Structures are given as structure tokens and as C-alpha cells.
Amino acid sequence: MREPAGTTPGGTKRKKRHSEGHESVTGNTRQRSSRPGSNLSEGTALTETVLITGGAGFIGRFVTRELLRRGNRVRVLDALIPQVHGGNDWPADLPDVERIHADVRDGDAVARALNGVDSVIHLAAEVGVGQSMYEVERYTSANDVGTAVLFERLIDHPVRRVVTASSMSIYGEGLYRDANGALVENAERGVVRDGQKVWDPLDAQGRPLVPVATPEWKRPSLASIYALNKYVQERTTHIMGQPYGIESVCLRLFNVYGPGQALSNPYTGVLAIFASRLLNGQQPMIFEDGEQRRDFVHVSDVARAFADALVHPDVAGGTFNIGSGQDRSVTQVAQALARAMGKNDVEPEIVGKARIGDIRHCFCDTGLAAEKLGFGARTDFEEGLAELAEWVAEQTAEDRVAQARAELEQRGLVA
């Protein structure tokens, strides 16, 4: 039996906010409040100009709104990658902020973007475990070289703090406990018994390991190029921050979901992929046996975590998990989304094969973020799904999941 992963504070349904974005330019004048004390409450903030790289993306738009709500000025730099945005147009729901259409690897553009900025939230990244395994140069260039360019420009344009988005993918397999109660950090899979694959990791005696919540102290076990990229981004952030007097914070995000995800991108979050399939009358496609467990956290909670990490005095130099603290099987999640979208009769397709780079179980230990950052997810999962389903009903999406699967199979990345 699985060990309980803890509870999550219940959330209340939020009112939706829609605003039509357009280009504008803000001034570079600054007004800093005194440094907040350790009893920082939500909404307390330095009044700053904040640069968000990748700010036009799914998470970036929510972070932008949260920072504006707290009285900050925001500047967004984004490459508007077609795979994510479908074109070169700024998203309609990006608020009225200064916008720079440029790649984070463009050093001159980054230097201009940093002019007059007090802090940076670094979200710009190519995202996709499977795709990273055959577009290695693209992912490593965008993620690791992009981060290097940002920090090289920060040498001449220093800021108070940089908060970088990392990922739970760096853990590889989550933390487990064996039959004797001992913790197992780097569990291994791939056992075949009686001609059948055994999906769950086993101990040396062939007994199943029990997944438990994964804390920050678990050593990385990098199972994909994307995971490697995110780990390099983390280390670059902390290594470059210290000698140049820039406070550094990294947030390891678990599975983020909510309205505004790129539904036509088959390499993005699993809930967006499921929603795209259901919207097009197709079954959600689940690899392995569907019993792998994940932690899903609403994008509004993630945005709050970034805004708090930008100002909280007790987190400089730290790395923190951001998740709900609750785990669910991928099959349960697909079924719950189908119900929320009124597709109760649509059951997921269980593929029975594994993708190279995927892991079995990983969910979030939220203890450190709660202690140091005061973070706790507030959005109830069912309410979050209902909000997502309501938004999806107003969208159109091109279903590219089968094409993405074929690309993986062609390269021998599904077995």
C-alpha cells in the first residue's frame, strides 16, 4: 500500500480575468520599499520592475498578472516559439506590459531587456521530455545556452534576485521505501517477469518498492536531456549568483495545469495533451499501464510561488519543490478530466509501452516550501479541472499526439 503523501489546503474557485494585451512601454523609474521582514504576507512586495523571460507562455502570463496585482512593473521577453504559440502573435490574455520579441540567446536583446530591471524571473525554456531525446541540440541550446547568455549579461546589468523555473524531472524516479522501511533514492526499473514487464521498481529481493513524497534533498537522477537541461539551469543560477551578488532561487515545478496551456503542443503538460484529445473526440493516450503517479498543481498557485520567491527574505540561495503534495494515477487524472469535459463515456487508451526518459512515480514533498516560503497549494484539483474544462470548451486544438508518438517510435524511444 502506498504511503500517504499528505494533504493540500482546499481552494476556492477564482473569478476569471481576461484582458486584451497590446504593446506599451513602461518607464524605468524605481521605488523600492523597505526589505520585508520574515513575516511576509501575501501581497507584500518590493515595488520593482521585473523581467520575465518566457513571459508570454502559459505560466508566464499567470506570473505577469500576479506581479501586476502586487503593484510591480513587468517587462516580458519571449521568442514566441511556433510550437507553443502557433505563430508570432502575442497572446490575447497577456496583460498590458512592455514586450520584447526576442530569443533569450540574443545577448544584445537580453542586455536591453535588463536595462532598469530590479529582478528577473527566468521561465524561457523548451519543454518536453520525449522531444528532448531526439532534438538534443535544440533543447540544450535554448535551455542551457539561453541561461548562460542571460547570466553573462547580468554581470554588466546586475539585479537584486533571479528566480529560475526548474523541474521535478531532475529527480528521475521519486523517493521510495522498501519492505524494511529504508528509503531508496535511485530506484531502478526494467524488470521482465514471466515474459511481462514489471512497471514498478523492485528491491533486491524482487519486492515492490513503495513510492513516497520526494523532498529536495533527494539526489538528481537525470533520465532525459530535458532533465539535464533543467539541472544545468539550476546550477548556473546558483553558481553565477553568488560571486556577482545576485540572490538566486530555483523552483522545481511538478505537473502544472490550468487554463491557457498550449493545447496543440503534444510535448507539453499531460493534462493539456489529454484535453486536446478529448476536445477532438479521441481517447487520451497513456503509456505503460496508467498507474504511474504524479503531482498536479494549478498554475495560479505556481504564479503565487514565483511572486513570493521574488521577495521573501528567507529563500535566497534555495531550491524548492512547488507542487500540491497530493499524488494521483495518470489514469485517474484522465478519467477526472473526461468527466469535467462531459466525456464520461470516453476511457483512456492504455498503450502498454514505455517512453525512454519517463519515470514511474514522483510526487511532491512540500515541507520545505511551506516552512521557508510559506507556500501551500490552494486550488482544489476538481475545481481546477472544472475551470480548465470550461476554458477548453471555448478553444480549438489540432490533435498532434499520434504524430508525436510516431516520431518517438521511429527513433526507438518507445518500448
Protein backbone atom coordinates (compact mmCIF):
# COMPACT_ATOMS: atom_id res chain seq x y z
CA MET A 1 0.00 0.00 0.00
CA ARG A 2 1.23 3.45 -0.87
CA GLU A 3 2.41 5.75 1.90
CA PRO A 4 0.18 8.85 2.26
CA ALA A 5 1.65 11.90 0.60
CA GLY A 6 0.00 14.45 2.88
CA THR A 7 -2.86 16.85 2.35
CA THR A 8 -3.37 20.03 0.45
CA PRO A 9 -5.30 23.08 1.64
CA GLY A 10 -8.62 23.32 -0.17
CA GLY A 11 -9.08 26.10 -2.66
CA THR A 12 -11.92 28.37 -3.62
CA LYS A 13 -12.99 29.00 -7.18
CA ARG A 14 -11.45 32.09 -8.66
CA LYS A 15 -13.07 34.63 -10.91
CA LYS A 16 -11.61 34.53 -14.38
CA ARG A 17 -9.74 37.52 -15.60
CA HIS A 18 -9.46 38.22 -19.31
CA SER A 19 -7.59 41.19 -20.71
CA GLU A 20 -6.60 42.06 -24.23
CA GLY A 21 -2.86 42.62 -24.37
CA HIS A 22 -1.16 45.24 -26.53
CA GLU A 23 2.27 46.74 -26.76
CA SER A 24 3.22 49.51 -24.35
CA VAL A 25 6.37 50.84 -22.77
CA THR A 26 6.87 51.48 -19.09
CA GLY A 27 9.41 53.79 -17.55
CA ASN A 28 12.49 52.64 -15.70
CA THR A 29 11.99 54.67 -12.54
CA ARG A 30 12.13 52.62 -9.36
CA GLN A 31 10.56 52.91 -5.98
CA ARG A 32 11.77 50.30 -3.54
CA SER A 33 10.01 49.65 -0.30
CA SER A 34 11.99 48.59 2.75
CA ARG A 35 13.05 44.96 2.77
CA PRO A 36 10.13 42.89 4.10
CA GLY A 37 10.51 41.03 7.36
CA SER A 38 10.26 37.30 7.90
CA ASN A 39 6.51 37.52 8.49
CA LEU A 40 5.93 38.32 4.84
CA SER A 41 2.25 38.13 3.95
CA GLU A 42 0.78 37.62 0.51
CA GLY A 43 0.56 40.85 -1.40
CA THR A 44 3.54 42.36 0.42
CA ALA A 45 6.16 43.09 -2.19
CA LEU A 46 9.00 45.26 -3.24
CA THR A 47 7.80 47.73 -5.83
CA GLU A 48 10.07 46.73 -8.68
CA THR A 49 10.48 46.37 -12.39
CA VAL A 50 10.65 42.64 -13.08
CA LEU A 51 11.84 40.99 -16.30
CA ILE A 52 10.12 37.70 -17.09
CA THR A 53 11.87 35.63 -19.75
CA GLY A 54 9.33 33.41 -21.47
CA GLY A 55 6.66 35.65 -20.01
CA ALA A 56 4.19 35.10 -22.85
CA GLY A 57 3.96 31.40 -22.09
CA PHE A 58 1.37 29.52 -20.06
CA ILE A 59 3.00 30.04 -16.66
CA GLY A 60 4.46 33.41 -17.61
CA ARG A 61 1.09 35.03 -18.25
CA PHE A 62 -0.16 34.00 -14.81
CA VAL A 63 3.04 35.21 -13.16
CA THR A 64 2.70 38.52 -15.01
CA ARG A 65 -0.82 39.02 -13.70
CA GLU A 66 0.20 38.10 -10.15
CA LEU A 67 3.11 40.55 -10.15
CA LEU A 68 0.94 43.34 -11.54
CA ARG A 69 -1.66 42.60 -8.89
CA ARG A 70 1.02 43.18 -6.27
CA GLY A 71 1.97 46.55 -7.72
CA ASN A 72 5.09 45.66 -9.70
CA ARG A 73 6.03 46.75 -13.20
CA VAL A 74 6.63 43.89 -15.63
CA ARG A 75 8.67 43.55 -18.79
CA VAL A 76 8.31 40.38 -20.89
CA LEU A 77 10.92 38.88 -23.21
CA ASP A 78 9.67 35.98 -25.31
CA ALA A 79 10.68 34.27 -28.56
CA LEU A 80 7.04 33.30 -29.30
CA ILE A 81 8.07 29.81 -30.43
CA PRO A 82 5.54 28.50 -33.01
CA GLN A 83 5.29 25.06 -31.36
CA VAL A 84 3.94 26.80 -28.27
CA HIS A 85 2.22 29.90 -29.62
CA GLY A 86 1.23 28.80 -33.12
CA GLY A 87 2.63 31.97 -34.66
CA ASN A 88 4.36 35.23 -33.84
CA ASP A 89 1.40 37.00 -32.25
CA TRP A 90 1.39 37.93 -28.59
CA PRO A 91 -1.28 36.05 -26.60
CA ALA A 92 -4.51 38.00 -26.24
CA ASP A 93 -4.61 37.36 -22.49
CA LEU A 94 -1.13 38.73 -21.81
CA PRO A 95 -1.68 41.91 -19.78
CA ASP A 96 -0.69 45.38 -20.91
CA VAL A 97 3.06 45.29 -20.22
CA GLU A 98 6.26 46.14 -22.06
CA ARG A 99 7.08 43.37 -24.55
CA ILE A 100 10.30 42.39 -26.28
CA HIS A 101 10.05 39.79 -29.04
CA ALA A 102 13.46 38.13 -28.85
CA ASP A 103 15.21 34.88 -28.03
CA VAL A 104 16.96 34.66 -24.67
CA ARG A 105 20.09 33.61 -26.61
CA ASP A 106 20.18 37.06 -28.23
CA GLY A 107 22.66 38.77 -25.93
CA ASP A 108 22.00 42.30 -27.20
CA ALA A 109 18.25 41.90 -26.74
CA VAL A 110 18.75 40.48 -23.25
CA ALA A 111 21.01 43.40 -22.32
CA ARG A 112 18.35 45.86 -23.48
CA ALA A 113 15.69 43.93 -21.59
CA LEU A 114 17.74 44.12 -18.38
CA ASN A 115 18.07 47.91 -18.55
CA GLY A 116 16.41 49.37 -15.47
CA VAL A 117 15.27 45.97 -14.16
CA ASP A 118 15.40 45.14 -10.44
CA SER A 119 14.74 41.37 -10.53
CA VAL A 120 14.33 38.55 -13.06
CA ILE A 121 12.03 35.54 -13.28
CA HIS A 122 13.61 33.11 -15.75
CA LEU A 123 10.97 30.91 -17.40
CA ALA A 124 12.22 30.77 -21.01
CA ALA A 125 12.75 27.13 -21.99
CA GLU A 126 11.96 24.41 -24.46
CA VAL A 127 9.74 21.94 -22.59
CA GLY A 128 9.30 18.27 -23.45
CA VAL A 129 10.90 15.13 -22.07
CA GLY A 130 10.31 12.95 -25.12
CA GLN A 131 11.20 15.53 -27.75
CA SER A 132 14.39 16.44 -25.91
CA MET A 133 15.69 12.92 -26.58
CA TYR A 134 15.94 13.48 -30.33
CA GLU A 135 16.22 17.28 -30.59
CA VAL A 136 19.19 17.43 -28.26
CA GLU A 137 20.91 20.44 -29.83
CA ARG A 138 17.72 22.49 -29.91
CA TYR A 139 16.87 21.82 -26.26
CA THR A 140 20.39 22.25 -24.94
CA SER A 141 20.91 25.46 -26.88
CA ALA A 142 17.61 27.06 -25.87
CA ASN A 143 17.71 25.97 -22.24
CA ASP A 144 21.35 25.88 -21.21
CA VAL A 145 22.94 28.33 -23.63
CA GLY A 146 19.98 30.66 -23.14
CA THR A 147 20.52 30.63 -19.38
CA ALA A 148 24.25 31.20 -19.87
CA VAL A 149 23.59 34.23 -22.08
CA LEU A 150 21.19 35.67 -19.50
CA PHE A 151 23.70 35.37 -16.67
CA GLU A 152 26.60 36.68 -18.75
CA ARG A 153 24.55 39.81 -19.44
CA LEU A 154 23.64 40.03 -15.76
CA ILE A 155 27.34 40.57 -14.98
CA ASP A 156 27.06 44.05 -16.50
CA HIS A 157 23.39 44.54 -15.56
CA PRO A 158 23.14 43.12 -12.03
CA VAL A 159 19.79 42.70 -10.34
CA ARG A 160 18.70 42.01 -6.78
CA ARG A 161 17.35 38.48 -7.34
CA VAL A 162 16.81 35.86 -10.06
CA VAL A 163 14.15 33.16 -9.68
CA THR A 164 14.58 30.30 -12.16
CA ALA A 165 11.99 27.69 -13.13
CA SER A 166 13.36 24.19 -12.64
CA SER A 167 11.51 20.88 -12.87
CA MET A 168 10.68 17.76 -10.92
CA SER A 169 12.15 15.87 -13.88
CA ILE A 170 15.63 16.27 -12.41
CA TYR A 171 14.75 13.73 -9.71
CA GLY A 172 14.19 10.94 -12.21
CA GLU A 173 12.39 8.33 -10.15
CA GLY A 174 10.92 9.78 -6.98
CA LEU A 175 11.76 8.59 -3.49
CA TYR A 176 10.71 5.09 -2.41
CA ARG A 177 10.60 2.99 0.74
CA ASP A 178 11.47 -0.71 0.81
CA ALA A 179 9.81 -3.51 2.79
CA ASN A 180 12.16 -2.87 5.71
CA GLY A 181 11.26 0.82 5.90
CA ALA A 182 14.52 2.07 4.40
CA LEU A 183 14.40 4.93 1.91
CA VAL A 184 15.56 4.21 -1.65
CA GLU A 185 16.76 7.19 -3.70
CA ASN A 186 17.62 5.83 -7.12
CA ALA A 187 15.19 3.01 -7.78
CA GLU A 188 15.67 1.07 -11.00
CA ARG A 189 13.08 -0.32 -13.38
CA GLY A 190 13.08 -2.60 -16.41
CA VAL A 191 12.35 -5.98 -14.83
CA VAL A 192 10.69 -8.61 -17.03
CA ARG A 193 8.96 -11.46 -15.18
CA ASP A 194 7.31 -14.41 -16.96
CA GLY A 195 7.56 -12.50 -20.21
CA GLN A 196 5.70 -9.49 -18.79
CA LYS A 197 7.12 -6.08 -17.97
CA VAL A 198 7.03 -5.11 -14.31
CA TRP A 199 6.39 -1.38 -14.34
CA ASP A 200 7.10 -0.65 -10.67
CA PRO A 201 10.65 -0.62 -9.29
CA LEU A 202 11.59 -3.62 -7.14
CA ASP A 203 14.07 -4.13 -4.34
CA ALA A 204 16.94 -6.63 -4.48
CA GLN A 205 14.59 -9.42 -3.37
CA GLY A 206 12.09 -8.65 -6.12
CA ARG A 207 9.58 -6.97 -3.80
CA PRO A 208 7.76 -3.79 -4.92
CA LEU A 209 9.07 -0.51 -3.58
CA VAL A 210 6.52 1.91 -2.13
CA PRO A 211 6.57 5.48 -3.55
CA VAL A 212 6.73 8.32 -1.01
CA ALA A 213 6.78 12.10 -1.38
CA THR A 214 10.06 13.36 -2.85
CA PRO A 215 11.95 16.06 -0.91
CA GLU A 216 14.55 18.48 -2.24
CA TRP A 217 17.44 16.57 -0.67
CA LYS A 218 16.95 13.60 -3.00
CA ARG A 219 19.90 13.45 -5.35
CA PRO A 220 19.19 14.09 -9.04
CA SER A 221 18.87 11.10 -11.35
CA LEU A 222 18.72 12.59 -14.82
CA ALA A 223 16.69 10.39 -17.16
CA SER A 224 16.30 12.76 -20.15
CA ILE A 225 18.05 15.61 -21.92
CA TYR A 226 15.30 17.93 -20.67
CA ALA A 227 16.04 16.89 -17.07
CA LEU A 228 19.74 17.50 -17.68
CA ASN A 229 18.92 20.94 -19.12
CA LYS A 230 16.87 21.93 -16.10
CA TYR A 231 19.59 20.77 -13.72
CA VAL A 232 22.16 22.84 -15.61
CA GLN A 233 19.82 25.85 -15.39
CA GLU A 234 19.61 25.35 -11.63
CA ARG A 235 23.35 25.09 -11.14
CA THR A 236 24.04 28.05 -13.43
CA THR A 237 21.60 30.18 -11.44
CA HIS A 238 23.21 29.40 -8.09
CA ILE A 239 26.84 29.34 -9.28
CA MET A 240 26.58 32.69 -11.09
CA GLY A 241 24.53 34.39 -8.42
CA GLN A 242 26.97 34.21 -5.53
CA PRO A 243 30.11 35.89 -6.96
CA TYR A 244 28.10 38.72 -8.52
CA GLY A 245 25.93 39.46 -5.51
CA ILE A 246 22.70 38.29 -7.16
CA GLU A 247 20.32 36.40 -4.90
CA SER A 248 19.30 33.12 -6.53
CA VAL A 249 16.20 30.96 -6.07
CA CYS A 250 15.13 27.89 -8.06
CA LEU A 251 11.63 26.40 -8.03
CA ARG A 252 11.25 22.74 -9.03
CA LEU A 253 7.80 22.66 -10.59
CA PHE A 254 5.73 19.49 -10.60
CA ASN A 255 2.94 18.97 -13.17
CA VAL A 256 1.42 22.41 -13.75
CA TYR A 257 -2.08 22.65 -15.24
CA GLY A 258 -4.79 25.21 -15.83
CA PRO A 259 -6.44 27.38 -18.50
CA GLY A 260 -4.16 28.81 -21.15
CA GLN A 261 -2.00 25.76 -21.85
CA ALA A 262 -0.81 25.15 -25.41
CA LEU A 263 -3.38 22.54 -26.45
CA SER A 264 -1.84 21.88 -29.87
CA ASN A 265 1.64 21.20 -28.48
CA PRO A 266 1.91 17.40 -28.00
CA TYR A 267 5.05 17.76 -25.87
CA THR A 268 3.59 19.97 -23.17
CA GLY A 269 1.78 19.12 -19.91
CA VAL A 270 -0.11 15.84 -19.80
CA LEU A 271 -3.45 17.44 -18.90
CA ALA A 272 -3.25 19.74 -21.93
CA ILE A 273 -2.49 16.72 -24.11
CA PHE A 274 -5.46 14.82 -22.67
CA ALA A 275 -7.70 17.87 -23.13
CA SER A 276 -6.68 18.20 -26.77
CA ARG A 277 -7.52 14.54 -27.42
CA LEU A 278 -10.90 14.77 -25.69
CA LEU A 279 -11.74 18.02 -27.48
CA ASN A 280 -11.15 16.22 -30.79
CA GLY A 281 -13.23 13.19 -29.81
CA GLN A 282 -10.18 10.98 -29.23
CA GLN A 283 -9.16 8.82 -26.29
CA PRO A 284 -6.41 10.18 -24.04
CA MET A 285 -3.29 8.11 -24.73
CA ILE A 286 -1.47 6.79 -21.64
CA PHE A 287 1.86 4.99 -21.73
CA GLU A 288 2.68 1.99 -19.53
CA ASP A 289 -0.32 0.72 -17.53
CA GLY A 290 -1.67 4.10 -16.43
CA GLU A 291 -0.92 3.55 -12.75
CA GLN A 292 2.13 5.82 -12.65
CA ARG A 293 1.56 8.58 -10.09
CA ARG A 294 2.15 12.31 -10.41
CA ASP A 295 1.52 15.56 -8.53
CA PHE A 296 -0.64 18.20 -10.25
CA VAL A 297 -0.51 21.85 -9.16
CA HIS A 298 -2.67 24.67 -10.51
CA VAL A 299 -0.92 27.43 -12.43
CA SER A 300 -2.35 30.14 -10.16
CA ASP A 301 -0.63 28.51 -7.18
CA VAL A 302 2.61 28.35 -9.16
CA ALA A 303 2.33 32.05 -10.05
CA ARG A 304 1.91 32.90 -6.39
CA ALA A 305 5.00 30.84 -5.56
CA PHE A 306 7.10 32.79 -8.07
CA ALA A 307 5.85 36.14 -6.80
CA ASP A 308 6.60 35.15 -3.20
CA ALA A 309 10.02 33.71 -4.12
CA LEU A 310 10.90 37.04 -5.66
CA VAL A 311 10.60 38.91 -2.36
CA HIS A 312 10.75 36.50 0.58
CA PRO A 313 13.93 37.17 2.60
CA ASP A 314 14.40 33.59 3.81
CA VAL A 315 14.74 31.80 0.47
CA ALA A 316 17.80 33.36 -1.20
CA GLY A 317 20.18 30.62 -2.33
CA GLY A 318 17.48 27.97 -2.00
CA THR A 319 15.81 25.39 -4.23
CA PHE A 320 12.21 24.43 -3.52
CA ASN A 321 9.59 21.95 -4.69
CA ILE A 322 6.36 23.53 -5.90
CA GLY A 323 3.51 21.03 -6.05
CA SER A 324 0.23 20.16 -4.39
CA GLY A 325 1.52 17.42 -2.10
CA GLN A 326 -1.14 15.06 -3.44
CA ASP A 327 -0.49 12.19 -5.84
CA ARG A 328 -2.85 10.68 -8.40
CA SER A 329 -2.51 7.99 -11.03
CA VAL A 330 -2.40 9.23 -14.61
CA THR A 331 -5.47 7.10 -15.39
CA GLN A 332 -7.40 8.74 -12.54
CA VAL A 333 -6.46 12.15 -13.88
CA ALA A 334 -7.54 11.31 -17.45
CA GLN A 335 -10.89 9.99 -16.21
CA ALA A 336 -11.47 13.03 -14.00
CA LEU A 337 -10.78 15.39 -16.90
CA ALA A 338 -13.14 13.43 -19.16
CA ARG A 339 -15.89 13.83 -16.56
CA ALA A 340 -15.19 17.55 -16.22
CA MET A 341 -15.45 17.92 -20.02
CA GLY A 342 -18.70 15.94 -20.18
CA LYS A 343 -17.00 12.97 -21.89
CA ASN A 344 -17.88 10.37 -19.24
CA ASP A 345 -18.05 7.55 -21.78
CA VAL A 346 -14.50 8.11 -23.09
CA GLU A 347 -11.95 5.85 -21.42
CA PRO A 348 -8.21 6.40 -21.93
CA GLU A 349 -6.20 4.19 -24.25
CA ILE A 350 -3.59 2.29 -22.24
CA VAL A 351 -0.60 1.87 -24.56
CA GLY A 352 1.29 -0.74 -22.53
CA LYS A 353 4.63 0.64 -23.68
CA ALA A 354 7.11 2.98 -22.01
CA ARG A 355 8.83 6.08 -23.36
CA ILE A 356 12.56 6.39 -22.85
CA GLY A 357 13.11 9.13 -20.28
CA ASP A 358 9.82 8.61 -18.44
CA ILE A 359 9.76 7.63 -14.79
CA ARG A 360 7.26 5.60 -12.77
CA HIS A 361 6.31 7.66 -9.72
CA CYS A 362 7.24 11.11 -8.48
CA PHE A 363 5.22 13.43 -6.29
CA CYS A 364 5.99 16.42 -4.15
CA ASP A 365 7.14 16.79 -0.57
CA THR A 366 6.00 20.36 0.12
CA GLY A 367 7.52 20.67 3.60
CA LEU A 368 10.48 22.91 2.78
CA ALA A 369 8.46 25.31 0.62
CA ALA A 370 5.84 25.53 3.37
CA GLU A 371 8.46 26.23 6.02
CA LYS A 372 10.66 28.71 4.18
CA LEU A 373 8.38 30.22 1.54
CA GLY A 374 5.04 29.86 3.30
CA PHE A 375 3.77 28.04 0.22
CA GLY A 376 0.76 25.77 0.11
CA ALA A 377 -1.37 24.95 -2.91
CA ARG A 378 -4.88 26.36 -2.52
CA THR A 379 -6.69 25.16 -5.62
CA ASP A 380 -8.79 22.03 -5.18
CA PHE A 381 -8.00 19.61 -8.01
CA GLU A 382 -11.61 19.01 -9.05
CA GLU A 383 -12.32 22.75 -9.11
CA GLY A 384 -9.15 23.31 -11.10
CA LEU A 385 -10.23 20.68 -13.63
CA ALA A 386 -13.67 22.28 -13.91
CA GLU A 387 -12.05 25.63 -14.68
CA LEU A 388 -9.75 24.00 -17.24
CA ALA A 389 -12.67 22.20 -18.89
CA GLU A 390 -14.69 25.42 -19.10
CA TRP A 391 -11.78 27.14 -20.85
CA VAL A 392 -11.08 24.19 -23.17
CA ALA A 393 -14.72 24.19 -24.34
CA GLU A 394 -14.09 27.60 -25.93
CA GLN A 395 -10.91 26.53 -27.74
CA THR A 396 -9.91 24.68 -30.89
CA ALA A 397 -6.90 22.39 -30.93
CA GLU A 398 -5.06 20.39 -33.55
CA ASP A 399 -4.51 16.85 -32.26
CA ARG A 400 -0.84 16.04 -32.90
CA VAL A 401 -0.44 13.31 -30.28
CA ALA A 402 -0.41 10.40 -32.74
CA GLN A 403 2.24 12.18 -34.81
CA ALA A 404 4.39 12.77 -31.73
CA ARG A 405 4.07 9.11 -30.73
CA ALA A 406 5.08 8.01 -34.24
CA GLU A 407 8.18 10.21 -34.06
CA LEU A 408 9.19 8.60 -30.76
CA GLU A 409 8.58 5.09 -32.07
CA GLN A 410 10.51 5.78 -35.28
CA ARG A 411 13.52 6.72 -33.18
CA GLY A 412 13.24 3.70 -30.89
CA LEU A 413 12.20 5.81 -27.89
CA VAL A 414 9.08 3.75 -27.12
CA ALA A 415 9.46 0.14 -25.98
